[in-house]
Amino acid sequence: MLIDFNEIAAVTIPGMNGGTGTMTARMYNDEKYRIIPTTIYPGGSIGIHTQNSGDDMNYILSGVGIAVCDGIEEALKPGVMHICPKDSEHSIINTGTEDLIMLTVVVAR
């Protein structure tokens, strides 16, 4: 399977899940996967929400931030992956002055 994200329109999302600021994403969705290159702009966040569809894996490409999963904070920086298991509550916050760019993969289970 080949996915060309250059052919998927970017969507701008203000205050995702009650978060702050703005993010953009190119979303691929099918019955097994959601694969989403995402940019959270400085001052932005994805609000706390329950991860219902599957395990949510966020690989950080650039920028810095914090992920909170079930009340536990983890520092985000390039080269790390935050994994939030299905049915957990989590949020992601850009704490830096640059874009927080990540590749999100949600695997249905």
PDB file of N, CA and C in Angstrom:
ATOM      1  N   MET A   1       0.855  -1.177   0.000  1.00  0.00           N
ATOM      2  CA  MET A   1       0.000   0.000   0.000  1.00  0.00           C
ATOM      3  C   MET A   1       0.898   1.236   0.000  1.00  0.00           C
ATOM      4  N   LEU A   2       0.583   2.171  -0.834  1.00  0.00           N
ATOM      5  CA  LEU A   2       1.301   3.439  -0.906  1.00  0.00           C
ATOM      6  C   LEU A   2       0.318   4.564  -0.598  1.00  0.00           C
ATOM      7  N   ILE A   3       0.705   5.452   0.290  1.00  0.00           N
ATOM      8  CA  ILE A   3      -0.114   6.619   0.618  1.00  0.00           C
ATOM      9  C   ILE A   3       0.700   7.846   0.251  1.00  0.00           C
ATOM     10  N   ASP A   4       0.193   8.669  -0.653  1.00  0.00           N
ATOM     11  CA  ASP A   4       0.869   9.898  -1.053  1.00  0.00           C
ATOM     12  C   ASP A   4       0.179  11.065  -0.351  1.00  0.00           C
ATOM     13  N   PHE A   5       0.782  11.519   0.746  1.00  0.00           N
ATOM     14  CA  PHE A   5       0.178  12.609   1.509  1.00  0.00           C
ATOM     15  C   PHE A   5       0.196  13.926   0.746  1.00  0.00           C
ATOM     16  N   ASN A   6       0.981  14.022  -0.317  1.00  0.00           N
ATOM     17  CA  ASN A   6       0.956  15.216  -1.167  1.00  0.00           C
ATOM     18  C   ASN A   6      -0.375  15.352  -1.887  1.00  0.00           C
ATOM     19  N   GLU A   7      -1.095  14.243  -2.013  1.00  0.00           N
ATOM     20  CA  GLU A   7      -2.389  14.252  -2.693  1.00  0.00           C
ATOM     21  C   GLU A   7      -3.561  14.404  -1.731  1.00  0.00           C
ATOM     22  N   ILE A   8      -3.285  14.475  -0.443  1.00  0.00           N
ATOM     23  CA  ILE A   8      -4.340  14.631   0.563  1.00  0.00           C
ATOM     24  C   ILE A   8      -4.339  16.087   1.034  1.00  0.00           C
ATOM     25  N   ALA A   9      -5.478  16.722   0.929  1.00  0.00           N
ATOM     26  CA  ALA A   9      -5.585  18.136   1.312  1.00  0.00           C
ATOM     27  C   ALA A   9      -5.345  18.317   2.807  1.00  0.00           C
ATOM     28  N   ALA A  10      -4.606  19.360   3.142  1.00  0.00           N
ATOM     29  CA  ALA A  10      -4.389  19.711   4.543  1.00  0.00           C
ATOM     30  C   ALA A  10      -5.662  20.334   5.106  1.00  0.00           C
ATOM     31  N   VAL A  11      -5.985  19.953   6.328  1.00  0.00           N
ATOM     32  CA  VAL A  11      -7.149  20.483   7.033  1.00  0.00           C
ATOM     33  C   VAL A  11      -6.646  21.285   8.219  1.00  0.00           C
ATOM     34  N   THR A  12      -7.174  22.498   8.398  1.00  0.00           N
ATOM     35  CA  THR A  12      -6.832  23.314   9.556  1.00  0.00           C
ATOM     36  C   THR A  12      -7.900  23.108  10.615  1.00  0.00           C
ATOM     37  N   ILE A  13      -7.454  22.818  11.841  1.00  0.00           N
ATOM     38  CA  ILE A  13      -8.381  22.504  12.921  1.00  0.00           C
ATOM     39  C   ILE A  13      -8.097  23.436  14.100  1.00  0.00           C
ATOM     40  N   PRO A  14      -9.016  24.342  14.410  1.00  0.00           N
ATOM     41  CA  PRO A  14      -8.826  25.184  15.596  1.00  0.00           C
ATOM     42  C   PRO A  14      -9.313  24.456  16.850  1.00  0.00           C
ATOM     43  N   GLY A  15      -8.541  24.518  17.926  1.00  0.00           N
ATOM     44  CA  GLY A  15      -8.967  23.991  19.224  1.00  0.00           C
ATOM     45  C   GLY A  15      -9.426  22.550  19.212  1.00  0.00           C
ATOM     46  N   MET A  16      -8.643  21.648  18.628  1.00  0.00           N
ATOM     47  CA  MET A  16      -9.070  20.245  18.528  1.00  0.00           C
ATOM     48  C   MET A  16      -9.338  19.658  19.908  1.00  0.00           C
ATOM     49  N   ASN A  17     -10.477  19.018  20.042  1.00  0.00           N
ATOM     50  CA  ASN A  17     -10.910  18.390  21.309  1.00  0.00           C
ATOM     51  C   ASN A  17     -10.864  19.362  22.484  1.00  0.00           C
ATOM     52  N   GLY A  18     -11.197  20.616  22.235  1.00  0.00           N
ATOM     53  CA  GLY A  18     -11.213  21.616  23.295  1.00  0.00           C
ATOM     54  C   GLY A  18      -9.843  22.167  23.633  1.00  0.00           C
ATOM     55  N   GLY A  19      -8.857  21.888  22.772  1.00  0.00           N
ATOM     56  CA  GLY A  19      -7.511  22.414  22.981  1.00  0.00           C
ATOM     57  C   GLY A  19      -7.418  23.873  22.597  1.00  0.00           C
ATOM     58  N   THR A  20      -6.193  24.377  22.545  1.00  0.00           N
ATOM     59  CA  THR A  20      -5.956  25.781  22.231  1.00  0.00           C
ATOM     60  C   THR A  20      -5.292  25.901  20.867  1.00  0.00           C
ATOM     61  N   GLY A  21      -5.350  27.088  20.320  1.00  0.00           N
ATOM     62  CA  GLY A  21      -4.628  27.374  19.088  1.00  0.00           C
ATOM     63  C   GLY A  21      -5.117  26.568  17.901  1.00  0.00           C
ATOM     64  N   THR A  22      -4.193  26.354  16.965  1.00  0.00           N
ATOM     65  CA  THR A  22      -4.541  25.749  15.684  1.00  0.00           C
ATOM     66  C   THR A  22      -3.551  24.655  15.329  1.00  0.00           C
ATOM     67  N   MET A  23      -4.041  23.682  14.580  1.00  0.00           N
ATOM     68  CA  MET A  23      -3.179  22.642  14.028  1.00  0.00           C
ATOM     69  C   MET A  23      -3.614  22.359  12.596  1.00  0.00           C
ATOM     70  N   THR A  24      -2.717  21.766  11.824  1.00  0.00           N
ATOM     71  CA  THR A  24      -3.078  21.290  10.496  1.00  0.00           C
ATOM     72  C   THR A  24      -2.739  19.815  10.409  1.00  0.00           C
ATOM     73  N   ALA A  25      -3.482  19.115   9.557  1.00  0.00           N
ATOM     74  CA  ALA A  25      -3.276  17.677   9.410  1.00  0.00           C
ATOM     75  C   ALA A  25      -3.674  17.243   8.007  1.00  0.00           C
ATOM     76  N   ARG A  26      -3.017  16.198   7.543  1.00  0.00           N
ATOM     77  CA  ARG A  26      -3.399  15.493   6.310  1.00  0.00           C
ATOM     78  C   ARG A  26      -3.802  14.097   6.770  1.00  0.00           C
ATOM     79  N   MET A  27      -5.085  13.749   6.614  1.00  0.00           N
ATOM     80  CA  MET A  27      -5.611  12.551   7.250  1.00  0.00           C
ATOM     81  C   MET A  27      -5.877  11.433   6.258  1.00  0.00           C
ATOM     82  N   TYR A  28      -5.279  10.274   6.539  1.00  0.00           N
ATOM     83  CA  TYR A  28      -5.608   9.036   5.824  1.00  0.00           C
ATOM     84  C   TYR A  28      -6.372   8.153   6.802  1.00  0.00           C
ATOM     85  N   ASN A  29      -7.545   7.682   6.381  1.00  0.00           N
ATOM     86  CA  ASN A  29      -8.375   6.835   7.238  1.00  0.00           C
ATOM     87  C   ASN A  29      -8.890   5.643   6.446  1.00  0.00           C
ATOM     88  N   ASP A  30      -8.769   4.447   7.020  1.00  0.00           N
ATOM     89  CA  ASP A  30      -9.488   3.294   6.511  1.00  0.00           C
ATOM     90  C   ASP A  30      -9.948   2.463   7.699  1.00  0.00           C
ATOM     91  N   GLU A  31     -10.409   1.242   7.469  1.00  0.00           N
ATOM     92  CA  GLU A  31     -10.968   0.448   8.573  1.00  0.00           C
ATOM     93  C   GLU A  31      -9.920  -0.032   9.580  1.00  0.00           C
ATOM     94  N   LYS A  32      -8.630  -0.021   9.209  1.00  0.00           N
ATOM     95  CA  LYS A  32      -7.587  -0.500  10.111  1.00  0.00           C
ATOM     96  C   LYS A  32      -6.688   0.597  10.659  1.00  0.00           C
ATOM     97  N   TYR A  33      -6.509   1.692   9.900  1.00  0.00           N
ATOM     98  CA  TYR A  33      -5.510   2.699  10.259  1.00  0.00           C
ATOM     99  C   TYR A  33      -6.038   4.111  10.109  1.00  0.00           C
ATOM    100  N   ARG A  34      -5.477   4.988  10.929  1.00  0.00           N
ATOM    101  CA  ARG A  34      -5.534   6.433  10.701  1.00  0.00           C
ATOM    102  C   ARG A  34      -4.084   6.876  10.738  1.00  0.00           C
ATOM    103  N   ILE A  35      -3.617   7.480   9.673  1.00  0.00           N
ATOM    104  CA  ILE A  35      -2.244   7.945   9.584  1.00  0.00           C
ATOM    105  C   ILE A  35      -2.311   9.431   9.279  1.00  0.00           C
ATOM    106  N   ILE A  36      -1.683  10.235  10.152  1.00  0.00           N
ATOM    107  CA  ILE A  36      -1.932  11.682  10.096  1.00  0.00           C
ATOM    108  C   ILE A  36      -0.642  12.461  10.350  1.00  0.00           C
ATOM    109  N   PRO A  37      -0.008  12.988   9.314  1.00  0.00           N
ATOM    110  CA  PRO A  37       1.038  13.983   9.554  1.00  0.00           C
ATOM    111  C   PRO A  37       0.374  15.234  10.135  1.00  0.00           C
ATOM    112  N   THR A  38       0.871  15.702  11.267  1.00  0.00           N
ATOM    113  CA  THR A  38       0.219  16.770  12.020  1.00  0.00           C
ATOM    114  C   THR A  38       1.212  17.854  12.411  1.00  0.00           C
ATOM    115  N   THR A  39       0.771  19.097  12.350  1.00  0.00           N
ATOM    116  CA  THR A  39       1.543  20.233  12.852  1.00  0.00           C
ATOM    117  C   THR A  39       0.695  20.964  13.876  1.00  0.00           C
ATOM    118  N   ILE A  40       1.221  21.067  15.108  1.00  0.00           N
ATOM    119  CA  ILE A  40       0.574  21.880  16.145  1.00  0.00           C
ATOM    120  C   ILE A  40       1.424  23.147  16.263  1.00  0.00           C
ATOM    121  N   TYR A  41       0.806  24.288  16.053  1.00  0.00           N
ATOM    122  CA  TYR A  41       1.536  25.553  16.038  1.00  0.00           C
ATOM    123  C   TYR A  41       1.835  26.022  17.460  1.00  0.00           C
ATOM    124  N   PRO A  42       2.840  26.902  17.620  1.00  0.00           N
ATOM    125  CA  PRO A  42       3.192  27.388  18.961  1.00  0.00           C
ATOM    126  C   PRO A  42       1.955  27.890  19.720  1.00  0.00           C
ATOM    127  N   GLY A  43       1.861  27.504  20.991  1.00  0.00           N
ATOM    128  CA  GLY A  43       0.714  27.884  21.808  1.00  0.00           C
ATOM    129  C   GLY A  43      -0.485  26.979  21.635  1.00  0.00           C
ATOM    130  N   GLY A  44      -0.392  25.997  20.732  1.00  0.00           N
ATOM    131  CA  GLY A  44      -1.522  25.127  20.439  1.00  0.00           C
ATOM    132  C   GLY A  44      -1.480  23.816  21.206  1.00  0.00           C
ATOM    133  N   SER A  45      -2.635  23.187  21.299  1.00  0.00           N
ATOM    134  CA  SER A  45      -2.726  21.887  21.960  1.00  0.00           C
ATOM    135  C   SER A  45      -3.906  21.105  21.413  1.00  0.00           C
ATOM    136  N   ILE A  46      -3.821  19.798  21.593  1.00  0.00           N
ATOM    137  CA  ILE A  46      -4.961  18.912  21.382  1.00  0.00           C
ATOM    138  C   ILE A  46      -5.509  18.656  22.776  1.00  0.00           C
ATOM    139  N   GLY A  47      -6.760  19.002  22.987  1.00  0.00           N
ATOM    140  CA  GLY A  47      -7.355  18.893  24.321  1.00  0.00           C
ATOM    141  C   GLY A  47      -7.476  17.457  24.802  1.00  0.00           C
ATOM    142  N   ILE A  48      -7.647  17.302  26.101  1.00  0.00           N
ATOM    143  CA  ILE A  48      -7.775  15.977  26.708  1.00  0.00           C
ATOM    144  C   ILE A  48      -9.001  15.271  26.142  1.00  0.00           C
ATOM    145  N   HIS A  49      -8.806  14.029  25.734  1.00  0.00           N
ATOM    146  CA  HIS A  49      -9.897  13.237  25.177  1.00  0.00           C
ATOM    147  C   HIS A  49      -9.584  11.755  25.371  1.00  0.00           C
ATOM    148  N   THR A  50     -10.611  10.922  25.289  1.00  0.00           N
ATOM    149  CA  THR A  50     -10.431   9.480  25.392  1.00  0.00           C
ATOM    150  C   THR A  50     -10.125   8.930  24.013  1.00  0.00           C
ATOM    151  N   GLN A  51      -9.090   8.109  23.944  1.00  0.00           N
ATOM    152  CA  GLN A  51      -8.658   7.509  22.683  1.00  0.00           C
ATOM    153  C   GLN A  51      -9.474   6.244  22.458  1.00  0.00           C
ATOM    154  N   ASN A  52     -10.585   6.363  21.714  1.00  0.00           N
ATOM    155  CA  ASN A  52     -11.523   5.258  21.549  1.00  0.00           C
ATOM    156  C   ASN A  52     -11.217   4.326  20.391  1.00  0.00           C
ATOM    157  N   SER A  53     -10.596   4.834  19.331  1.00  0.00           N
ATOM    158  CA  SER A  53     -10.507   4.063  18.091  1.00  0.00           C
ATOM    159  C   SER A  53      -9.356   3.067  18.040  1.00  0.00           C
ATOM    160  N   GLY A  54      -8.371   3.199  18.910  1.00  0.00           N
ATOM    161  CA  GLY A  54      -7.230   2.286  18.898  1.00  0.00           C
ATOM    162  C   GLY A  54      -6.049   2.919  19.594  1.00  0.00           C
ATOM    163  N   ASP A  55      -4.921   2.228  19.549  1.00  0.00           N
ATOM    164  CA  ASP A  55      -3.697   2.768  20.128  1.00  0.00           C
ATOM    165  C   ASP A  55      -3.225   3.945  19.285  1.00  0.00           C
ATOM    166  N   ASP A  56      -2.923   5.058  19.924  1.00  0.00           N
ATOM    167  CA  ASP A  56      -2.513   6.291  19.256  1.00  0.00           C
ATOM    168  C   ASP A  56      -1.012   6.466  19.457  1.00  0.00           C
ATOM    169  N   MET A  57      -0.260   6.422  18.341  1.00  0.00           N
ATOM    170  CA  MET A  57       1.195   6.539  18.396  1.00  0.00           C
ATOM    171  C   MET A  57       1.610   7.823  17.698  1.00  0.00           C
ATOM    172  N   ASN A  58       2.364   8.662  18.392  1.00  0.00           N
ATOM    173  CA  ASN A  58       2.776   9.961  17.870  1.00  0.00           C
ATOM    174  C   ASN A  58       4.298  10.039  17.840  1.00  0.00           C
ATOM    175  N   TYR A  59       4.871  10.014  16.633  1.00  0.00           N
ATOM    176  CA  TYR A  59       6.321  10.100  16.472  1.00  0.00           C
ATOM    177  C   TYR A  59       6.681  11.554  16.204  1.00  0.00           C
ATOM    178  N   ILE A  60       7.551  12.120  17.020  1.00  0.00           N
ATOM    179  CA  ILE A  60       7.878  13.542  16.930  1.00  0.00           C
ATOM    180  C   ILE A  60       9.010  13.746  15.923  1.00  0.00           C
ATOM    181  N   LEU A  61       8.747  14.590  14.929  1.00  0.00           N
ATOM    182  CA  LEU A  61       9.721  14.913  13.885  1.00  0.00           C
ATOM    183  C   LEU A  61      10.492  16.177  14.209  1.00  0.00           C
ATOM    184  N   SER A  62       9.797  17.200  14.728  1.00  0.00           N
ATOM    185  CA  SER A  62      10.471  18.437  15.134  1.00  0.00           C
ATOM    186  C   SER A  62       9.613  19.185  16.140  1.00  0.00           C
ATOM    187  N   GLY A  63      10.277  20.081  16.884  1.00  0.00           N
ATOM    188  CA  GLY A  63       9.596  20.845  17.910  1.00  0.00           C
ATOM    189  C   GLY A  63       9.632  20.126  19.249  1.00  0.00           C
ATOM    190  N   VAL A  64       9.037  20.767  20.251  1.00  0.00           N
ATOM    191  CA  VAL A  64       8.983  20.200  21.592  1.00  0.00           C
ATOM    192  C   VAL A  64       7.589  20.374  22.171  1.00  0.00           C
ATOM    193  N   GLY A  65       7.274  19.525  23.124  1.00  0.00           N
ATOM    194  CA  GLY A  65       5.968  19.617  23.756  1.00  0.00           C
ATOM    195  C   GLY A  65       5.856  18.660  24.910  1.00  0.00           C
ATOM    196  N   ILE A  66       4.628  18.480  25.348  1.00  0.00           N
ATOM    197  CA  ILE A  66       4.306  17.568  26.438  1.00  0.00           C
ATOM    198  C   ILE A  66       3.097  16.742  26.010  1.00  0.00           C
ATOM    199  N   ALA A  67       3.163  15.452  26.281  1.00  0.00           N
ATOM    200  CA  ALA A  67       2.005  14.584  26.139  1.00  0.00           C
ATOM    201  C   ALA A  67       1.563  14.198  27.544  1.00  0.00           C
ATOM    202  N   VAL A  68       0.264  14.151  27.752  1.00  0.00           N
ATOM    203  CA  VAL A  68      -0.290  13.708  29.028  1.00  0.00           C
ATOM    204  C   VAL A  68      -1.199  12.532  28.711  1.00  0.00           C
ATOM    205  N   CYS A  69      -0.887  11.368  29.290  1.00  0.00           N
ATOM    206  CA  CYS A  69      -1.704  10.177  29.083  1.00  0.00           C
ATOM    207  C   CYS A  69      -2.068   9.611  30.448  1.00  0.00           C
ATOM    208  N   ASP A  70      -3.362   9.569  30.724  1.00  0.00           N
ATOM    209  CA  ASP A  70      -3.868   9.098  32.023  1.00  0.00           C
ATOM    210  C   ASP A  70      -3.160   9.791  33.180  1.00  0.00           C
ATOM    211  N   GLY A  71      -2.948  11.098  33.030  1.00  0.00           N
ATOM    212  CA  GLY A  71      -2.375  11.917  34.091  1.00  0.00           C
ATOM    213  C   GLY A  71      -0.861  11.930  34.167  1.00  0.00           C
ATOM    214  N   ILE A  72      -0.189  11.143  33.347  1.00  0.00           N
ATOM    215  CA  ILE A  72       1.274  11.081  33.369  1.00  0.00           C
ATOM    216  C   ILE A  72       1.828  11.941  32.233  1.00  0.00           C
ATOM    217  N   GLU A  73       2.702  12.905  32.587  1.00  0.00           N
ATOM    218  CA  GLU A  73       3.312  13.794  31.595  1.00  0.00           C
ATOM    219  C   GLU A  73       4.584  13.181  31.037  1.00  0.00           C
ATOM    220  N   GLU A  74       4.754  13.335  29.727  1.00  0.00           N
ATOM    221  CA  GLU A  74       5.970  12.876  29.062  1.00  0.00           C
ATOM    222  C   GLU A  74       6.468  13.987  28.158  1.00  0.00           C
ATOM    223  N   ALA A  75       7.774  14.231  28.172  1.00  0.00           N
ATOM    224  CA  ALA A  75       8.373  15.266  27.323  1.00  0.00           C
ATOM    225  C   ALA A  75       8.467  14.769  25.892  1.00  0.00           C
ATOM    226  N   LEU A  76       8.122  15.642  24.959  1.00  0.00           N
ATOM    227  CA  LEU A  76       8.196  15.325  23.533  1.00  0.00           C
ATOM    228  C   LEU A  76       9.329  16.108  22.895  1.00  0.00           C
ATOM    229  N   LYS A  77      10.124  15.430  22.081  1.00  0.00           N
ATOM    230  CA  LYS A  77      11.210  16.048  21.323  1.00  0.00           C
ATOM    231  C   LYS A  77      11.462  15.168  20.099  1.00  0.00           C
ATOM    232  N   PRO A  78      12.184  15.676  19.111  1.00  0.00           N
ATOM    233  CA  PRO A  78      12.430  14.880  17.914  1.00  0.00           C
ATOM    234  C   PRO A  78      13.048  13.521  18.237  1.00  0.00           C
ATOM    235  N   GLY A  79      12.517  12.498  17.586  1.00  0.00           N
ATOM    236  CA  GLY A  79      13.039  11.152  17.748  1.00  0.00           C
ATOM    237  C   GLY A  79      12.352  10.314  18.801  1.00  0.00           C
ATOM    238  N   VAL A  80      11.385  10.872  19.525  1.00  0.00           N
ATOM    239  CA  VAL A  80      10.656  10.075  20.521  1.00  0.00           C
ATOM    240  C   VAL A  80       9.241   9.795  20.026  1.00  0.00           C
ATOM    241  N   MET A  81       8.653   8.737  20.573  1.00  0.00           N
ATOM    242  CA  MET A  81       7.275   8.383  20.243  1.00  0.00           C
ATOM    243  C   MET A  81       6.472   8.299  21.528  1.00  0.00           C
ATOM    244  N   HIS A  82       5.340   8.972  21.533  1.00  0.00           N
ATOM    245  CA  HIS A  82       4.377   8.886  22.635  1.00  0.00           C
ATOM    246  C   HIS A  82       3.291   7.922  22.194  1.00  0.00           C
ATOM    247  N   ILE A  83       3.021   6.915  23.023  1.00  0.00           N
ATOM    248  CA  ILE A  83       1.966   5.949  22.715  1.00  0.00           C
ATOM    249  C   ILE A  83       0.894   6.061  23.783  1.00  0.00           C
ATOM    250  N   CYS A  84      -0.323   6.283  23.330  1.00  0.00           N
ATOM    251  CA  CYS A  84      -1.477   6.326  24.223  1.00  0.00           C
ATOM    252  C   CYS A  84      -2.375   5.138  23.874  1.00  0.00           C
ATOM    253  N   PRO A  85      -2.475   4.137  24.765  1.00  0.00           N
ATOM    254  CA  PRO A  85      -3.284   2.958  24.474  1.00  0.00           C
ATOM    255  C   PRO A  85      -4.766   3.284  24.348  1.00  0.00           C
ATOM    256  N   LYS A  86      -5.448   2.456  23.597  1.00  0.00           N
ATOM    257  CA  LYS A  86      -6.900   2.579  23.449  1.00  0.00           C
ATOM    258  C   LYS A  86      -7.552   2.673  24.825  1.00  0.00           C
ATOM    259  N   ASP A  87      -8.578   3.511  24.923  1.00  0.00           N
ATOM    260  CA  ASP A  87      -9.381   3.758  26.124  1.00  0.00           C
ATOM    261  C   ASP A  87      -8.679   4.603  27.178  1.00  0.00           C
ATOM    262  N   SER A  88      -7.505   5.158  26.857  1.00  0.00           N
ATOM    263  CA  SER A  88      -6.810   6.083  27.759  1.00  0.00           C
ATOM    264  C   SER A  88      -7.200   7.512  27.407  1.00  0.00           C
ATOM    265  N   GLU A  89      -6.990   8.422  28.368  1.00  0.00           N
ATOM    266  CA  GLU A  89      -7.219   9.843  28.122  1.00  0.00           C
ATOM    267  C   GLU A  89      -5.884  10.518  27.882  1.00  0.00           C
ATOM    268  N   HIS A  90      -5.838  11.369  26.847  1.00  0.00           N
ATOM    269  CA  HIS A  90      -4.570  12.046  26.597  1.00  0.00           C
ATOM    270  C   HIS A  90      -4.762  13.384  25.917  1.00  0.00           C
ATOM    271  N   SER A  91      -3.688  14.164  25.962  1.00  0.00           N
ATOM    272  CA  SER A  91      -3.614  15.439  25.249  1.00  0.00           C
ATOM    273  C   SER A  91      -2.161  15.655  24.852  1.00  0.00           C
ATOM    274  N   ILE A  92      -1.961  16.563  23.886  1.00  0.00           N
ATOM    275  CA  ILE A  92      -0.620  16.921  23.435  1.00  0.00           C
ATOM    276  C   ILE A  92      -0.555  18.432  23.373  1.00  0.00           C
ATOM    277  N   ILE A  93       0.529  18.994  23.926  1.00  0.00           N
ATOM    278  CA  ILE A  93       0.680  20.449  24.030  1.00  0.00           C
ATOM    279  C   ILE A  93       2.006  20.864  23.418  1.00  0.00           C
ATOM    280  N   ASN A  94       1.971  21.835  22.529  1.00  0.00           N
ATOM    281  CA  ASN A  94       3.201  22.425  21.996  1.00  0.00           C
ATOM    282  C   ASN A  94       3.684  23.443  23.021  1.00  0.00           C
ATOM    283  N   THR A  95       4.831  23.171  23.651  1.00  0.00           N
ATOM    284  CA  THR A  95       5.373  24.070  24.665  1.00  0.00           C
ATOM    285  C   THR A  95       6.504  24.934  24.124  1.00  0.00           C
ATOM    286  N   GLY A  96       6.819  24.777  22.850  1.00  0.00           N
ATOM    287  CA  GLY A  96       7.948  25.492  22.268  1.00  0.00           C
ATOM    288  C   GLY A  96       7.544  26.722  21.492  1.00  0.00           C
ATOM    289  N   THR A  97       8.541  27.330  20.864  1.00  0.00           N
ATOM    290  CA  THR A  97       8.320  28.523  20.042  1.00  0.00           C
ATOM    291  C   THR A  97       8.286  28.179  18.556  1.00  0.00           C
ATOM    292  N   GLU A  98       8.470  26.905  18.232  1.00  0.00           N
ATOM    293  CA  GLU A  98       8.410  26.430  16.844  1.00  0.00           C
ATOM    294  C   GLU A  98       7.271  25.431  16.708  1.00  0.00           C
ATOM    295  N   ASP A  99       6.932  25.085  15.467  1.00  0.00           N
ATOM    296  CA  ASP A  99       5.893  24.089  15.222  1.00  0.00           C
ATOM    297  C   ASP A  99       6.282  22.752  15.836  1.00  0.00           C
ATOM    298  N   LEU A 100       5.305  22.053  16.395  1.00  0.00           N
ATOM    299  CA  LEU A 100       5.473  20.676  16.848  1.00  0.00           C
ATOM    300  C   LEU A 100       4.932  19.805  15.712  1.00  0.00           C
ATOM    301  N   ILE A 101       5.843  19.102  15.038  1.00  0.00           N
ATOM    302  CA  ILE A 101       5.469  18.297  13.875  1.00  0.00           C
ATOM    303  C   ILE A 101       5.621  16.831  14.239  1.00  0.00           C
ATOM    304  N   MET A 102       4.550  16.072  13.987  1.00  0.00           N
ATOM    305  CA  MET A 102       4.568  14.666  14.352  1.00  0.00           C
ATOM    306  C   MET A 102       3.798  13.836  13.317  1.00  0.00           C
ATOM    307  N   LEU A 103       4.097  12.559  13.307  1.00  0.00           N
ATOM    308  CA  LEU A 103       3.358  11.611  12.506  1.00  0.00           C
ATOM    309  C   LEU A 103       2.550  10.762  13.467  1.00  0.00           C
ATOM    310  N   THR A 104       1.238  10.823  13.340  1.00  0.00           N
ATOM    311  CA  THR A 104       0.339  10.064  14.199  1.00  0.00           C
ATOM    312  C   THR A 104      -0.158   8.848  13.443  1.00  0.00           C
ATOM    313  N   VAL A 105      -0.093   7.690  14.098  1.00  0.00           N
ATOM    314  CA  VAL A 105      -0.624   6.450  13.539  1.00  0.00           C
ATOM    315  C   VAL A 105      -1.555   5.858  14.599  1.00  0.00           C
ATOM    316  N   VAL A 106      -2.794   5.635  14.222  1.00  0.00           N
ATOM    317  CA  VAL A 106      -3.756   4.995  15.109  1.00  0.00           C
ATOM    318  C   VAL A 106      -4.089   3.644  14.505  1.00  0.00           C
ATOM    319  N   VAL A 107      -3.841   2.591  15.273  1.00  0.00           N
ATOM    320  CA  VAL A 107      -4.098   1.231  14.819  1.00  0.00           C
ATOM    321  C   VAL A 107      -5.333   0.718  15.528  1.00  0.00           C
ATOM    322  N   ALA A 108      -6.351   0.355  14.749  1.00  0.00           N
ATOM    323  CA  ALA A 108      -7.594  -0.147  15.331  1.00  0.00           C
ATOM    324  C   ALA A 108      -7.351  -1.490  16.010  1.00  0.00           C
ATOM    325  N   ARG A 109      -7.990  -1.657  17.164  1.00  0.00           N
ATOM    326  CA  ARG A 109      -7.939  -2.956  17.839  1.00  0.00           C
ATOM    327  C   ARG A 109      -9.185  -3.136  18.664  1.00  0.00           C
TER     328      ARG A 109
END
